[in-house]
Amino acid sequence: MYNIYETPWLLFSASIFVLVIVVMYRRIFPDRCRFWQLIIPFALMASAFGIDYFVSTDYEKIELTIKQGVRSAVDADMDLLSPIISPDYSDNRYISKQDLLNSLGNLTTMANIRRIKIRQNFITISNAKASSKMRITVFMQPESEYAPANSLMFIELELKFEKHGDNWLVRSMNVVSLNDDPLD
């Protein structure tokens, strides 16, 4: 089912439908034509795009968190990554937020990432928790320390998020597979 807060196309389609009805009404009853009748569908159309622009849903906030993480990995900027990591971060490899930031800082500097493309992203949200299963493609510079092995990598990630106030922060991150080889 469509959510009017996530996409404007449902209200936009409704406004086109209302416009057709108003035009037909004005043709059938020309003596009842009023200027304000044409304002209704255009106001509905404007509200469709206004709601989409001004209201951020949880799904959009999680996507924004993921994009900020991708940008920080490409730029090798851990100061950009730090605000989106939960203070009580832990997973099966890193026991703290600072441990993760130190490791990722070294890794992204050595990898010399040129670009990251998100291939798939399945986000599920329930209450104040969310998870994301992602498949990304990492393009590295030829002078990268990892480039002689392969300058293109396919990574599957599983991220867990939790809501802190109005923001979604990464609670844990696990690499599921690297170049389609499962990791344990």
C-alpha atoms as a PDB file:
ATOM      1  CA  MET A   1       0.000   0.000   0.000  1.00  0.00           C
ATOM      2  CA  TYR A   2       1.246   3.466  -0.850  1.00  0.00           C
ATOM      3  CA  ASN A   3       2.289   5.835   1.889  1.00  0.00           C
ATOM      4  CA  ILE A   4       1.684   9.499   1.016  1.00  0.00           C
ATOM      5  CA  TYR A   5       4.608  10.488   3.249  1.00  0.00           C
ATOM      6  CA  GLU A   6       7.151   8.430   1.309  1.00  0.00           C
ATOM      7  CA  THR A   7       6.125   9.167  -2.275  1.00  0.00           C
ATOM      8  CA  PRO A   8       4.092  11.988  -3.824  1.00  0.00           C
ATOM      9  CA  TRP A   9       2.672   9.940  -6.698  1.00  0.00           C
ATOM     10  CA  LEU A  10      -0.522   8.770  -4.994  1.00  0.00           C
ATOM     11  CA  LEU A  11      -1.692  12.311  -4.217  1.00  0.00           C
ATOM     12  CA  PHE A  12      -0.409  13.511  -7.586  1.00  0.00           C
ATOM     13  CA  SER A  13      -2.539  10.867  -9.339  1.00  0.00           C
ATOM     14  CA  ALA A  14      -5.522  11.825  -7.195  1.00  0.00           C
ATOM     15  CA  SER A  15      -5.042  15.465  -8.186  1.00  0.00           C
ATOM     16  CA  ILE A  16      -5.082  14.518 -11.898  1.00  0.00           C
ATOM     17  CA  PHE A  17      -8.275  12.535 -11.296  1.00  0.00           C
ATOM     18  CA  VAL A  18      -9.850  15.506  -9.475  1.00  0.00           C
ATOM     19  CA  LEU A  19      -8.744  17.832 -12.305  1.00  0.00           C
ATOM     20  CA  VAL A  20     -10.510  15.618 -14.868  1.00  0.00           C
ATOM     21  CA  ILE A  21     -13.693  15.616 -12.760  1.00  0.00           C
ATOM     22  CA  VAL A  22     -13.591  19.407 -12.298  1.00  0.00           C
ATOM     23  CA  VAL A  23     -13.084  19.979 -16.036  1.00  0.00           C
ATOM     24  CA  MET A  24     -15.967  17.615 -16.862  1.00  0.00           C
ATOM     25  CA  TYR A  25     -18.196  19.341 -14.301  1.00  0.00           C
ATOM     26  CA  ARG A  26     -17.357  22.757 -15.764  1.00  0.00           C
ATOM     27  CA  ARG A  27     -18.207  21.534 -19.306  1.00  0.00           C
ATOM     28  CA  ILE A  28     -21.501  19.972 -18.225  1.00  0.00           C
ATOM     29  CA  PHE A  29     -22.586  22.944 -16.097  1.00  0.00           C
ATOM     30  CA  PRO A  30     -21.003  26.051 -17.662  1.00  0.00           C
ATOM     31  CA  ASP A  31     -23.301  28.341 -15.672  1.00  0.00           C
ATOM     32  CA  ARG A  32     -21.826  26.990 -12.391  1.00  0.00           C
ATOM     33  CA  CYS A  33     -18.148  27.582 -13.310  1.00  0.00           C
ATOM     34  CA  ARG A  34     -16.123  29.239 -10.577  1.00  0.00           C
ATOM     35  CA  PHE A  35     -12.439  30.090 -10.486  1.00  0.00           C
ATOM     36  CA  TRP A  36     -11.836  28.306  -7.167  1.00  0.00           C
ATOM     37  CA  GLN A  37     -12.885  24.968  -8.707  1.00  0.00           C
ATOM     38  CA  LEU A  38      -9.622  24.813 -10.653  1.00  0.00           C
ATOM     39  CA  ILE A  39      -7.604  25.632  -7.543  1.00  0.00           C
ATOM     40  CA  ILE A  40      -8.620  22.379  -5.789  1.00  0.00           C
ATOM     41  CA  PRO A  41      -6.634  19.915  -7.979  1.00  0.00           C
ATOM     42  CA  PHE A  42      -3.585  22.179  -8.127  1.00  0.00           C
ATOM     43  CA  ALA A  43      -3.640  22.637  -4.344  1.00  0.00           C
ATOM     44  CA  LEU A  44      -3.807  18.854  -3.980  1.00  0.00           C
ATOM     45  CA  MET A  45      -0.862  18.509  -6.371  1.00  0.00           C
ATOM     46  CA  ALA A  46       1.171  21.090  -4.442  1.00  0.00           C
ATOM     47  CA  SER A  47       0.383  19.363  -1.140  1.00  0.00           C
ATOM     48  CA  ALA A  48       1.583  16.036  -2.580  1.00  0.00           C
ATOM     49  CA  PHE A  49       5.054  17.403  -3.274  1.00  0.00           C
ATOM     50  CA  GLY A  50       5.030  19.541  -0.119  1.00  0.00           C
ATOM     51  CA  ILE A  51       4.348  16.549   2.118  1.00  0.00           C
ATOM     52  CA  ASP A  52       7.071  14.534   0.389  1.00  0.00           C
ATOM     53  CA  TYR A  53       9.570  17.372   0.782  1.00  0.00           C
ATOM     54  CA  PHE A  54       8.827  18.467   4.351  1.00  0.00           C
ATOM     55  CA  VAL A  55       8.041  15.136   6.072  1.00  0.00           C
ATOM     56  CA  SER A  56      10.897  12.669   6.587  1.00  0.00           C
ATOM     57  CA  THR A  57       9.837   9.115   7.321  1.00  0.00           C
ATOM     58  CA  ASP A  58      11.878   6.596   9.301  1.00  0.00           C
ATOM     59  CA  TYR A  59      12.708   4.764   6.071  1.00  0.00           C
ATOM     60  CA  GLU A  60      14.107   7.971   4.529  1.00  0.00           C
ATOM     61  CA  LYS A  61      16.114   8.707   7.688  1.00  0.00           C
ATOM     62  CA  ILE A  62      17.668   5.232   7.605  1.00  0.00           C
ATOM     63  CA  GLU A  63      18.564   5.687   3.935  1.00  0.00           C
ATOM     64  CA  LEU A  64      20.143   9.040   4.808  1.00  0.00           C
ATOM     65  CA  THR A  65      22.194   7.356   7.562  1.00  0.00           C
ATOM     66  CA  ILE A  66      23.384   4.720   5.070  1.00  0.00           C
ATOM     67  CA  LYS A  67      24.308   7.367   2.480  1.00  0.00           C
ATOM     68  CA  GLN A  68      26.282   9.281   5.109  1.00  0.00           C
ATOM     69  CA  GLY A  69      28.148   6.069   5.967  1.00  0.00           C
ATOM     70  CA  VAL A  70      28.932   5.453   2.296  1.00  0.00           C
ATOM     71  CA  ARG A  71      30.154   9.038   1.869  1.00  0.00           C
ATOM     72  CA  SER A  72      32.411   8.721   4.929  1.00  0.00           C
ATOM     73  CA  ALA A  73      33.903   5.454   3.598  1.00  0.00           C
ATOM     74  CA  VAL A  74      34.656   7.003   0.201  1.00  0.00           C
ATOM     75  CA  ASP A  75      36.173  10.125   1.772  1.00  0.00           C
ATOM     76  CA  ALA A  76      37.920   8.066   4.513  1.00  0.00           C
ATOM     77  CA  ASP A  77      36.478  10.579   6.989  1.00  0.00           C
ATOM     78  CA  MET A  78      35.735   8.961  10.343  1.00  0.00           C
ATOM     79  CA  ASP A  79      34.515  12.298  11.754  1.00  0.00           C
ATOM     80  CA  LEU A  80      31.591  12.028   9.323  1.00  0.00           C
ATOM     81  CA  LEU A  81      30.962   8.413  10.351  1.00  0.00           C
ATOM     82  CA  SER A  82      31.124   8.914  14.116  1.00  0.00           C
ATOM     83  CA  PRO A  83      27.724  10.670  14.546  1.00  0.00           C
ATOM     84  CA  ILE A  84      25.796   7.825  12.882  1.00  0.00           C
ATOM     85  CA  ILE A  85      27.291   5.053  15.035  1.00  0.00           C
ATOM     86  CA  SER A  86      25.473   4.255  18.282  1.00  0.00           C
ATOM     87  CA  PRO A  87      27.461   4.954  21.481  1.00  0.00           C
ATOM     88  CA  ASP A  88      26.805   1.364  22.618  1.00  0.00           C
ATOM     89  CA  TYR A  89      27.878  -0.212  19.313  1.00  0.00           C
ATOM     90  CA  SER A  90      29.005  -3.832  19.411  1.00  0.00           C
ATOM     91  CA  ASP A  91      29.114  -6.772  17.027  1.00  0.00           C
ATOM     92  CA  ASN A  92      30.933 -10.093  16.773  1.00  0.00           C
ATOM     93  CA  ARG A  93      34.177  -8.423  15.653  1.00  0.00           C
ATOM     94  CA  TYR A  94      34.325  -4.987  17.340  1.00  0.00           C
ATOM     95  CA  ILE A  95      33.428  -4.483  20.969  1.00  0.00           C
ATOM     96  CA  SER A  96      33.122  -0.694  20.942  1.00  0.00           C
ATOM     97  CA  LYS A  97      32.401   2.279  18.729  1.00  0.00           C
ATOM     98  CA  GLN A  98      35.988   3.535  18.995  1.00  0.00           C
ATOM     99  CA  ASP A  99      37.381   0.114  18.045  1.00  0.00           C
ATOM    100  CA  LEU A 100      35.191   0.138  14.917  1.00  0.00           C
ATOM    101  CA  LEU A 101      36.159   3.706  13.959  1.00  0.00           C
ATOM    102  CA  ASN A 102      39.892   2.976  14.342  1.00  0.00           C
ATOM    103  CA  SER A 103      39.670  -0.180  12.243  1.00  0.00           C
ATOM    104  CA  LEU A 104      37.532   1.416   9.511  1.00  0.00           C
ATOM    105  CA  GLY A 105      39.814   4.459   9.437  1.00  0.00           C
ATOM    106  CA  ASN A 106      42.834   2.250   8.678  1.00  0.00           C
ATOM    107  CA  LEU A 107      40.904   0.101   6.199  1.00  0.00           C
ATOM    108  CA  THR A 108      39.413   2.971   4.161  1.00  0.00           C
ATOM    109  CA  THR A 109      42.768   4.773   3.993  1.00  0.00           C
ATOM    110  CA  MET A 110      44.537   1.661   2.667  1.00  0.00           C
ATOM    111  CA  ALA A 111      41.704   0.694   0.301  1.00  0.00           C
ATOM    112  CA  ASN A 112      41.606   4.131  -1.372  1.00  0.00           C
ATOM    113  CA  ILE A 113      37.949   3.764  -2.359  1.00  0.00           C
ATOM    114  CA  ARG A 114      36.871   5.583  -5.505  1.00  0.00           C
ATOM    115  CA  ARG A 115      33.128   4.882  -5.344  1.00  0.00           C
ATOM    116  CA  ILE A 116      30.559   2.707  -3.603  1.00  0.00           C
ATOM    117  CA  LYS A 117      27.364   1.701  -5.350  1.00  0.00           C
ATOM    118  CA  ILE A 118      24.442   0.273  -3.407  1.00  0.00           C
ATOM    119  CA  ARG A 119      23.001  -2.592  -5.474  1.00  0.00           C
ATOM    120  CA  GLN A 120      20.283  -3.821  -3.093  1.00  0.00           C
ATOM    121  CA  ASN A 121      18.979  -2.527   0.182  1.00  0.00           C
ATOM    122  CA  PHE A 122      16.155  -4.247   2.054  1.00  0.00           C
ATOM    123  CA  ILE A 123      15.121  -2.242   5.108  1.00  0.00           C
ATOM    124  CA  THR A 124      12.725  -3.577   7.725  1.00  0.00           C
ATOM    125  CA  ILE A 125      11.489  -1.378  10.571  1.00  0.00           C
ATOM    126  CA  SER A 126       9.702  -2.384  13.743  1.00  0.00           C
ATOM    127  CA  ASN A 127       9.171   0.147  16.535  1.00  0.00           C
ATOM    128  CA  ALA A 128      12.533   1.690  17.483  1.00  0.00           C
ATOM    129  CA  LYS A 129      14.648  -1.023  15.812  1.00  0.00           C
ATOM    130  CA  ALA A 130      15.448  -1.603  12.159  1.00  0.00           C
ATOM    131  CA  SER A 131      17.637  -3.817  10.030  1.00  0.00           C
ATOM    132  CA  SER A 132      19.058  -3.575   6.564  1.00  0.00           C
ATOM    133  CA  LYS A 133      20.464  -6.223   4.261  1.00  0.00           C
ATOM    134  CA  MET A 134      22.621  -4.577   1.629  1.00  0.00           C
ATOM    135  CA  ARG A 135      24.653  -5.603  -1.375  1.00  0.00           C
ATOM    136  CA  ILE A 136      27.220  -3.018  -2.383  1.00  0.00           C
ATOM    137  CA  THR A 137      29.891  -2.766  -5.018  1.00  0.00           C
ATOM    138  CA  VAL A 138      33.145  -1.085  -3.999  1.00  0.00           C
ATOM    139  CA  PHE A 139      35.316   0.449  -6.719  1.00  0.00           C
ATOM    140  CA  MET A 140      38.911   1.124  -5.641  1.00  0.00           C
ATOM    141  CA  GLN A 141      41.613   3.286  -7.175  1.00  0.00           C
ATOM    142  CA  PRO A 142      44.327   1.387  -9.117  1.00  0.00           C
ATOM    143  CA  GLU A 143      46.961   2.585  -6.622  1.00  0.00           C
ATOM    144  CA  SER A 144      45.026   1.045  -3.722  1.00  0.00           C
ATOM    145  CA  GLU A 145      46.816  -1.548  -1.581  1.00  0.00           C
ATOM    146  CA  TYR A 146      43.942  -3.944  -2.320  1.00  0.00           C
ATOM    147  CA  ALA A 147      43.778  -3.215  -6.070  1.00  0.00           C
ATOM    148  CA  PRO A 148      46.372  -5.800  -7.202  1.00  0.00           C
ATOM    149  CA  ALA A 149      44.085  -8.519  -5.890  1.00  0.00           C
ATOM    150  CA  ASN A 150      40.902  -6.983  -7.283  1.00  0.00           C
ATOM    151  CA  SER A 151      39.935  -3.339  -7.726  1.00  0.00           C
ATOM    152  CA  LEU A 152      36.254  -4.272  -7.638  1.00  0.00           C
ATOM    153  CA  MET A 153      34.634  -5.933  -4.633  1.00  0.00           C
ATOM    154  CA  PHE A 154      31.111  -7.169  -3.956  1.00  0.00           C
ATOM    155  CA  ILE A 155      30.143  -6.989  -0.308  1.00  0.00           C
ATOM    156  CA  GLU A 156      26.977  -8.103   1.435  1.00  0.00           C
ATOM    157  CA  LEU A 157      26.292  -6.353   4.747  1.00  0.00           C
ATOM    158  CA  GLU A 158      23.767  -6.756   7.502  1.00  0.00           C
ATOM    159  CA  LEU A 159      23.168  -3.617   9.571  1.00  0.00           C
ATOM    160  CA  LYS A 160      21.086  -3.161  12.710  1.00  0.00           C
ATOM    161  CA  PHE A 161      19.768   0.271  13.627  1.00  0.00           C
ATOM    162  CA  GLU A 162      18.190   1.763  16.703  1.00  0.00           C
ATOM    163  CA  LYS A 163      16.360   5.027  17.077  1.00  0.00           C
ATOM    164  CA  HIS A 164      17.933   7.673  19.290  1.00  0.00           C
ATOM    165  CA  GLY A 165      15.593  10.644  19.515  1.00  0.00           C
ATOM    166  CA  ASP A 166      14.786  11.557  15.933  1.00  0.00           C
ATOM    167  CA  ASN A 167      17.858   9.883  14.378  1.00  0.00           C
ATOM    168  CA  TRP A 168      18.614   6.285  13.431  1.00  0.00           C
ATOM    169  CA  LEU A 169      22.064   5.088  14.509  1.00  0.00           C
ATOM    170  CA  VAL A 170      23.956   1.952  13.500  1.00  0.00           C
ATOM    171  CA  ARG A 171      23.890  -0.525  16.405  1.00  0.00           C
ATOM    172  CA  SER A 172      25.840  -3.335  14.723  1.00  0.00           C
ATOM    173  CA  MET A 173      27.269  -4.214  11.330  1.00  0.00           C
ATOM    174  CA  ASN A 174      28.252  -7.623  10.002  1.00  0.00           C
ATOM    175  CA  VAL A 175      29.882  -8.498   6.709  1.00  0.00           C
ATOM    176  CA  VAL A 176      27.958 -11.514   5.409  1.00  0.00           C
ATOM    177  CA  SER A 177      29.952 -12.173   2.242  1.00  0.00           C
ATOM    178  CA  LEU A 178      32.886 -10.776   0.329  1.00  0.00           C
ATOM    179  CA  ASN A 179      32.945 -11.372  -3.441  1.00  0.00           C
ATOM    180  CA  ASP A 180      30.102 -13.854  -2.924  1.00  0.00           C
ATOM    181  CA  ASP A 181      32.204 -15.955  -0.528  1.00  0.00           C
ATOM    182  CA  PRO A 182      30.436 -16.287   2.844  1.00  0.00           C
ATOM    183  CA  LEU A 183      32.340 -15.120   5.903  1.00  0.00           C
ATOM    184  CA  ASP A 184      32.023 -16.825   9.259  1.00  0.00           C
END
